[in-house]
Amino acid sequence: MRSFSRTRVVLATTAVALAALVAACSSPPPAAPPPVVQAPPPTPPITLSASLVERASAFRGWMTRAGQVSPSFQNGEQIQASLKVGAAYEAKSFMNGAVAYAAVLALQDPTFVASVREVAANPAQRQEMIANIFSNPSYAAVFKGSDSAAGLIIDQIGGDGLKVYMAGKAVKQAAYDVQKSSWSKASVLDRDGRLASAKTLSATPALAESADVAVLQQASTGLQPLGLTPRAATAPYQPIVIRGLAVAALAALGAAGDNNLPSIDALSGDWATANCLNMAKLNLYQCLAVSKPHYEDIFCLGQHILIDTGACVAKGAGASLPPEPPRAMPVKESIAVKGAGANSAKAKAKAAAARKAVKKS
């Protein structure tokens, strides 16, 4: 009897174990853990190197000072002080500063910045666009709002160039007007020294003012806009505009920081504008080398510092220079008094015969 009970217990236990085994085999396998999805990298912030901002400020400062040079000279000391103000830029850094300032201006256009930032949010597209811009700066003009960003550059930098140009016109005219004063005809003291000073100033990059650097730095990142009103400008664009748009786009893509400076320096160069600025300097040196009285130094200042440099900047930014007034051609007496053709060989022979006839009579 006891053996029969044990058998029943064993059979029951075996049945339970078999049932559990069957149930285990028939249940689905545990679900795999969900794949780990990595969040995309954050969109890089708008980045413009502090060095670029300083160059932009130095350029803007020189343009402001040069545009304020007064033609009302009273003595030679005033002339020499203005010469030092005007000569104080180095052509390469000046060109780079113009492009950097153009970039700050382009970053004031919200449509342009927003369009670039859309690309910056996609890492693959971002890297591709950065490579495209460095290889060809014109790629920056494909973004929406590039036309109004270009308008800001043309209006501000081109407008500043025209101010310097017109200041030069007034100073150049003063070189003639001031000759009524006897002091203007006196010889310049230390002519060799003032030429050497102009060359030294021309080899030294201009410095920026810290307060203005802070203003442009905040403007470049959108913290404190400059309050400019964009207007659309149609392509094709001039070199300062194209390169300014390119650097602005790189900044909005997070690729215009200190690590990118060598590539941005290469991108900022333009042969035509750089050659124009270098020629202005060479002509200044030649002018000062032969200038003796004070009024001739005024001419050098007006023509080769202000007019020439202002024209380089205005043209490089796409602004149109004012038309030159037509030159008054000397009126020949033979045409005005004696009629056309009075200087011809036939007319002269006829006049000589008439004079001989008068003498005979």
Protein backbone atom coordinates (compact mmCIF):
# COMPACT_ATOMS: atom_id res chain seq x y z
CA MET A 1 0.00 0.00 0.00
CA ARG A 2 2.82 2.27 0.94
CA SER A 3 4.61 1.37 -2.30
CA PHE A 4 1.58 2.30 -4.32
CA SER A 5 1.45 5.78 -2.67
CA ARG A 6 5.07 6.39 -3.48
CA THR A 7 4.44 5.47 -7.06
CA ARG A 8 1.58 7.91 -7.26
CA VAL A 9 3.73 10.70 -5.80
CA VAL A 10 6.56 10.03 -8.28
CA LEU A 11 4.16 9.95 -11.20
CA ALA A 12 2.50 13.18 -10.08
CA THR A 13 5.84 14.92 -9.66
CA THR A 14 7.00 13.69 -13.06
CA ALA A 15 3.79 14.92 -14.66
CA VAL A 16 4.20 18.36 -13.16
CA ALA A 17 7.80 18.56 -14.34
CA LEU A 18 6.83 17.47 -17.84
CA ALA A 19 4.03 20.02 -17.95
CA ALA A 20 6.40 22.76 -16.87
CA LEU A 21 8.91 21.65 -19.50
CA VAL A 22 6.28 21.67 -22.23
CA ALA A 23 5.04 25.10 -21.14
CA ALA A 24 8.57 26.44 -21.17
CA CYS A 25 9.18 25.16 -24.66
CA SER A 26 5.95 26.57 -26.02
CA SER A 27 6.37 30.15 -24.54
CA PRO A 28 7.98 32.82 -26.80
CA PRO A 29 11.58 33.86 -26.13
CA PRO A 30 12.10 37.04 -24.10
CA ALA A 31 11.99 40.23 -26.15
CA ALA A 32 15.34 41.74 -27.16
CA PRO A 33 16.18 45.07 -25.53
CA PRO A 34 15.43 48.10 -27.74
CA PRO A 35 18.40 49.43 -29.73
CA VAL A 36 20.24 52.35 -28.22
CA VAL A 37 19.61 55.42 -30.41
CA GLN A 38 22.31 58.03 -30.06
CA ALA A 39 21.11 61.60 -30.14
CA PRO A 40 22.56 63.65 -33.02
CA PRO A 41 25.35 66.01 -32.01
CA PRO A 42 24.11 69.46 -31.07
CA THR A 43 24.19 72.21 -33.70
CA PRO A 44 27.45 74.11 -33.22
CA PRO A 45 27.07 77.72 -32.08
CA ILE A 46 27.77 80.66 -34.36
CA THR A 47 31.52 81.09 -34.08
CA LEU A 48 33.62 83.98 -35.35
CA SER A 49 37.23 84.07 -34.20
CA ALA A 50 38.18 86.92 -31.89
CA SER A 51 41.05 87.69 -34.28
CA LEU A 52 38.57 88.18 -37.13
CA VAL A 53 36.44 90.48 -35.02
CA GLU A 54 39.53 92.55 -34.12
CA ARG A 55 40.45 92.86 -37.80
CA ALA A 56 36.91 93.93 -38.62
CA SER A 57 37.04 96.58 -35.92
CA ALA A 58 40.45 97.86 -37.07
CA PHE A 59 39.17 98.17 -40.64
CA ARG A 60 35.99 99.94 -39.53
CA GLY A 61 37.99 102.29 -37.32
CA TRP A 62 40.35 103.32 -40.13
CA MET A 63 37.47 103.95 -42.52
CA THR A 64 35.76 106.15 -39.94
CA ARG A 65 38.89 108.18 -39.18
CA ALA A 66 39.85 108.56 -42.84
CA GLY A 67 36.35 109.68 -43.78
CA GLN A 68 36.56 112.44 -41.16
CA VAL A 69 39.83 114.00 -42.40
CA SER A 70 39.12 117.70 -42.78
CA PRO A 71 40.36 119.76 -45.74
CA SER A 72 40.66 122.87 -43.54
CA PHE A 73 44.41 122.87 -42.98
CA GLN A 74 45.97 125.79 -41.13
CA ASN A 75 49.57 124.63 -40.81
CA GLY A 76 52.01 121.88 -41.66
CA GLU A 77 51.50 120.05 -38.35
CA GLN A 78 47.85 119.39 -39.20
CA ILE A 79 48.87 118.00 -42.57
CA GLN A 80 51.43 115.65 -41.06
CA ALA A 81 48.95 114.44 -38.44
CA SER A 82 46.42 113.61 -41.16
CA LEU A 83 49.09 111.84 -43.20
CA LYS A 84 49.83 109.59 -40.22
CA VAL A 85 46.13 108.80 -39.81
CA GLY A 86 45.76 107.92 -43.47
CA ALA A 87 48.94 105.90 -43.90
CA ALA A 88 48.24 103.72 -40.85
CA TYR A 89 47.08 100.51 -42.52
CA GLU A 90 48.84 97.46 -43.91
CA ALA A 91 47.28 96.32 -47.18
CA LYS A 92 46.90 92.58 -46.48
CA SER A 93 45.44 92.90 -42.98
CA PHE A 94 43.28 95.76 -44.24
CA MET A 95 41.80 93.50 -46.92
CA ASN A 96 41.26 90.72 -44.38
CA GLY A 97 39.60 93.23 -42.07
CA ALA A 98 37.25 94.34 -44.82
CA VAL A 99 36.14 90.73 -45.38
CA ALA A 100 35.79 90.12 -41.64
CA TYR A 101 33.64 93.23 -41.25
CA ALA A 102 31.58 92.11 -44.25
CA ALA A 103 31.00 88.80 -42.45
CA VAL A 104 29.79 90.59 -39.32
CA LEU A 105 27.40 92.61 -41.48
CA ALA A 106 26.07 89.51 -43.26
CA LEU A 107 25.41 87.89 -39.88
CA GLN A 108 22.98 90.75 -39.18
CA ASP A 109 20.57 89.28 -41.74
CA PRO A 110 18.24 86.88 -39.89
CA THR A 111 17.01 85.13 -43.02
CA PHE A 112 20.53 84.35 -44.19
CA VAL A 113 21.62 83.10 -40.76
CA ALA A 114 18.51 80.92 -40.32
CA SER A 115 19.02 79.35 -43.75
CA VAL A 116 22.64 78.44 -42.97
CA ARG A 117 21.71 77.12 -39.54
CA GLU A 118 19.31 74.64 -41.12
CA VAL A 119 22.27 73.01 -42.86
CA ALA A 120 24.35 73.21 -39.68
CA ALA A 121 21.82 70.98 -37.89
CA ASN A 122 22.70 68.05 -40.20
CA PRO A 123 26.30 66.90 -39.53
CA ALA A 124 26.83 65.37 -42.98
CA GLN A 125 25.41 68.34 -44.87
CA ARG A 126 27.31 70.70 -42.60
CA GLN A 127 30.70 69.14 -43.37
CA GLU A 128 29.92 69.02 -47.08
CA MET A 129 28.94 72.70 -47.18
CA ILE A 130 32.03 73.75 -45.21
CA ALA A 131 34.23 71.95 -47.73
CA ASN A 132 32.35 73.53 -50.64
CA ILE A 133 32.70 77.07 -49.27
CA PHE A 134 36.41 76.73 -48.59
CA SER A 135 36.94 75.43 -52.13
CA ASN A 136 34.64 78.02 -53.71
CA PRO A 137 33.43 81.01 -51.62
CA SER A 138 30.56 81.63 -54.07
CA TYR A 139 28.73 78.63 -52.56
CA ALA A 140 27.63 80.93 -49.74
CA ALA A 141 25.36 82.78 -52.17
CA VAL A 142 23.07 79.73 -52.50
CA PHE A 143 21.51 80.33 -49.08
CA LYS A 144 18.21 82.10 -48.77
CA GLY A 145 18.75 85.68 -47.70
CA SER A 146 22.19 85.96 -49.27
CA ASP A 147 20.90 88.77 -51.51
CA SER A 148 19.80 90.92 -48.57
CA ALA A 149 22.98 90.05 -46.63
CA ALA A 150 24.93 91.21 -49.69
CA GLY A 151 22.94 94.44 -49.66
CA LEU A 152 24.08 95.12 -46.11
CA ILE A 153 27.73 94.70 -47.12
CA ILE A 154 27.41 96.90 -50.19
CA ASP A 155 25.56 99.65 -48.34
CA GLN A 156 27.85 99.76 -45.31
CA ILE A 157 31.34 98.99 -46.64
CA GLY A 158 30.69 100.45 -50.08
CA GLY A 159 29.16 103.51 -48.43
CA ASP A 160 32.18 103.93 -46.15
CA GLY A 161 34.46 103.66 -49.17
CA LEU A 162 32.53 106.43 -50.89
CA LYS A 163 32.83 108.65 -47.79
CA VAL A 164 36.60 108.24 -47.81
CA TYR A 165 36.66 108.85 -51.56
CA MET A 166 34.68 112.08 -51.25
CA ALA A 167 36.80 113.23 -48.30
CA GLY A 168 39.80 112.74 -50.58
CA LYS A 169 38.18 114.88 -53.27
CA ALA A 170 37.75 117.73 -50.77
CA VAL A 171 41.33 117.37 -49.50
CA LYS A 172 42.73 117.28 -53.04
CA GLN A 173 40.87 120.49 -53.87
CA ALA A 174 42.31 122.03 -50.71
CA ALA A 175 45.80 121.41 -52.13
CA TYR A 176 44.99 124.08 -54.73
CA ASP A 177 42.93 126.40 -52.56
CA VAL A 178 45.49 126.54 -49.74
CA GLN A 179 48.14 127.98 -52.05
CA LYS A 180 46.59 131.39 -51.39
CA SER A 181 48.26 131.19 -47.97
CA SER A 182 52.00 131.76 -47.91
CA TRP A 183 52.68 129.09 -45.26
CA SER A 184 51.50 126.35 -47.65
CA LYS A 185 54.41 127.09 -49.98
CA ALA A 186 57.07 126.58 -47.32
CA SER A 187 59.12 123.40 -47.53
CA VAL A 188 58.16 120.38 -45.46
CA LEU A 189 60.56 119.73 -42.60
CA ASP A 190 62.27 116.31 -42.41
CA ARG A 191 60.90 115.08 -45.72
CA ASP A 192 62.87 111.84 -45.50
CA GLY A 193 61.57 111.20 -41.98
CA ARG A 194 57.91 111.62 -42.90
CA LEU A 195 58.37 109.26 -45.88
CA ALA A 196 60.00 106.67 -43.64
CA SER A 197 57.15 107.09 -41.15
CA ALA A 198 54.55 106.48 -43.87
CA LYS A 199 56.32 103.27 -44.89
CA THR A 200 56.53 102.05 -41.29
CA LEU A 201 52.85 102.75 -40.67
CA SER A 202 52.01 100.98 -43.92
CA ALA A 203 53.80 97.84 -42.75
CA THR A 204 52.01 97.70 -39.39
CA PRO A 205 48.47 96.26 -39.07
CA ALA A 206 46.06 98.77 -37.59
CA LEU A 207 44.87 98.21 -34.03
CA ALA A 208 41.25 97.92 -32.93
CA GLU A 209 39.54 99.66 -30.04
CA SER A 210 38.38 97.28 -27.32
CA ALA A 211 34.94 98.91 -27.00
CA ASP A 212 34.26 98.52 -30.72
CA VAL A 213 35.52 94.92 -30.66
CA ALA A 214 32.97 94.13 -27.96
CA VAL A 215 30.18 95.68 -30.05
CA LEU A 216 31.08 93.65 -33.14
CA GLN A 217 31.57 90.46 -31.14
CA GLN A 218 28.07 90.67 -29.71
CA ALA A 219 26.67 91.59 -33.11
CA SER A 220 28.32 88.58 -34.79
CA THR A 221 26.64 86.12 -32.41
CA GLY A 222 23.26 87.84 -32.47
CA LEU A 223 23.38 88.98 -28.83
CA GLN A 224 23.22 92.66 -29.75
CA PRO A 225 22.46 93.30 -33.45
CA LEU A 226 23.72 96.47 -35.11
CA GLY A 227 20.17 97.48 -36.02
CA LEU A 228 20.71 97.59 -39.79
CA THR A 229 17.95 97.22 -42.36
CA PRO A 230 18.74 94.70 -45.11
CA ARG A 231 17.86 95.35 -48.73
CA ALA A 232 18.19 92.86 -51.56
CA ALA A 233 21.11 93.30 -53.95
CA THR A 234 21.28 91.34 -57.17
CA ALA A 235 24.27 89.25 -58.20
CA PRO A 236 26.95 89.18 -59.50
CA TYR A 237 28.76 90.35 -56.37
CA GLN A 238 32.19 91.87 -55.98
CA PRO A 239 35.06 90.17 -54.07
CA ILE A 240 34.52 91.70 -50.62
CA VAL A 241 30.83 90.73 -50.76
CA ILE A 242 31.46 87.16 -51.91
CA ARG A 243 34.15 86.53 -49.33
CA GLY A 244 32.19 88.25 -46.59
CA LEU A 245 29.19 86.02 -47.26
CA ALA A 246 31.48 82.98 -47.23
CA VAL A 247 33.04 83.80 -43.85
CA ALA A 248 29.60 84.61 -42.40
CA ALA A 249 28.26 81.25 -43.61
CA LEU A 250 31.26 79.46 -42.10
CA ALA A 251 30.64 81.28 -38.81
CA ALA A 252 26.98 80.18 -38.84
CA LEU A 253 28.18 76.62 -39.51
CA GLY A 254 30.52 76.82 -36.53
CA ALA A 255 33.62 76.73 -38.75
CA ALA A 256 35.10 80.22 -38.41
CA GLY A 257 36.88 79.85 -35.09
CA ASP A 258 40.55 80.17 -34.24
CA ASN A 259 41.30 76.68 -35.61
CA ASN A 260 40.06 77.76 -39.03
CA LEU A 261 42.03 81.02 -39.27
CA PRO A 262 44.66 79.86 -41.82
CA SER A 263 41.95 78.66 -44.21
CA ILE A 264 39.88 81.80 -43.71
CA ASP A 265 42.93 84.00 -44.37
CA ALA A 266 43.44 82.20 -47.67
CA LEU A 267 39.75 82.57 -48.49
CA SER A 268 39.74 86.32 -47.68
CA GLY A 269 42.39 87.30 -50.21
CA ASP A 270 41.48 88.91 -53.53
CA TRP A 271 44.12 89.77 -56.10
CA ALA A 272 42.33 92.73 -57.66
CA THR A 273 41.52 94.54 -54.42
CA ALA A 274 44.91 93.74 -52.87
CA ASN A 275 46.69 95.03 -55.99
CA CYS A 276 44.59 98.20 -55.88
CA LEU A 277 45.57 98.84 -52.25
CA ASN A 278 49.25 98.11 -52.91
CA MET A 279 49.29 100.51 -55.85
CA ALA A 280 47.75 103.22 -53.66
CA LYS A 281 50.61 102.76 -51.21
CA LEU A 282 53.31 102.75 -53.90
CA ASN A 283 51.90 105.91 -55.44
CA LEU A 284 51.84 107.52 -52.00
CA TYR A 285 55.53 106.77 -51.47
CA GLN A 286 56.43 108.19 -54.87
CA CYS A 287 54.35 111.28 -54.24
CA LEU A 288 55.90 111.96 -50.83
CA ALA A 289 59.40 111.32 -52.21
CA VAL A 290 59.12 114.26 -54.62
CA SER A 291 56.81 116.50 -52.59
CA LYS A 292 58.48 119.60 -51.15
CA PRO A 293 55.99 122.34 -50.11
CA HIS A 294 53.12 121.67 -47.72
CA TYR A 295 50.43 121.94 -50.37
CA GLU A 296 51.98 119.06 -52.29
CA ASP A 297 51.72 116.86 -49.18
CA ILE A 298 48.03 117.75 -49.07
CA PHE A 299 47.73 116.52 -52.65
CA CYS A 300 49.46 113.23 -51.75
CA LEU A 301 47.07 112.76 -48.84
CA GLY A 302 43.96 113.54 -50.85
CA GLN A 303 44.79 111.56 -53.98
CA HIS A 304 46.82 108.54 -52.97
CA ILE A 305 45.56 107.86 -49.45
CA LEU A 306 41.93 108.93 -49.44
CA ILE A 307 40.75 108.87 -53.06
CA ASP A 308 42.72 105.79 -54.11
CA THR A 309 41.98 103.72 -51.00
CA GLY A 310 38.35 104.80 -50.89
CA ALA A 311 37.93 103.78 -54.52
CA CYS A 312 39.57 100.37 -53.87
CA VAL A 313 37.14 99.65 -51.03
CA ALA A 314 34.06 101.00 -52.81
CA LYS A 315 34.74 99.01 -55.97
CA GLY A 316 35.66 95.88 -54.02
CA ALA A 317 32.29 96.08 -52.24
CA GLY A 318 30.30 96.80 -55.38
CA ALA A 319 29.48 100.47 -54.82
CA SER A 320 29.50 102.82 -57.81
CA LEU A 321 31.81 105.81 -57.75
CA PRO A 322 30.20 109.15 -58.60
CA PRO A 323 30.73 110.16 -62.21
CA GLU A 324 33.58 112.53 -62.87
CA PRO A 325 32.48 115.96 -64.08
CA PRO A 326 33.31 116.52 -67.75
CA ARG A 327 36.61 118.25 -68.28
CA ALA A 328 36.39 121.65 -69.91
CA MET A 329 38.29 121.40 -73.17
CA PRO A 330 40.27 124.48 -74.20
CA VAL A 331 38.43 126.35 -76.93
CA LYS A 332 40.59 127.15 -79.92
CA GLU A 333 40.44 130.76 -80.97
CA SER A 334 40.40 129.72 -84.61
CA ILE A 335 37.10 127.89 -84.05
CA ALA A 336 35.48 130.26 -81.61
CA VAL A 337 36.43 133.48 -83.38
CA LYS A 338 37.54 132.73 -86.89
CA GLY A 339 35.45 129.68 -87.66
CA ALA A 340 36.19 125.99 -88.14
CA GLY A 341 39.11 125.10 -90.38
CA ALA A 342 41.07 128.25 -89.65
CA ASN A 343 44.09 126.15 -88.68
CA SER A 344 44.16 124.15 -91.92
CA ALA A 345 47.14 124.49 -94.30
CA LYS A 346 44.92 126.01 -96.99
CA ALA A 347 43.53 128.61 -94.60
CA LYS A 348 47.00 129.48 -93.31
CA ALA A 349 48.35 129.92 -96.87
CA LYS A 350 45.39 132.10 -97.76
CA ALA A 351 45.95 134.23 -94.63
CA ALA A 352 49.68 134.61 -95.44
CA ALA A 353 48.86 135.71 -99.00
CA ALA A 354 46.43 138.25 -97.64
CA ARG A 355 49.07 139.68 -95.31
CA LYS A 356 51.55 139.98 -98.19
CA ALA A 357 48.98 141.78 -100.27
CA VAL A 358 48.40 144.25 -97.45
CA LYS A 359 52.13 144.95 -97.17
CA LYS A 360 52.49 145.55 -100.94
CA SER A 361 49.66 147.99 -100.91
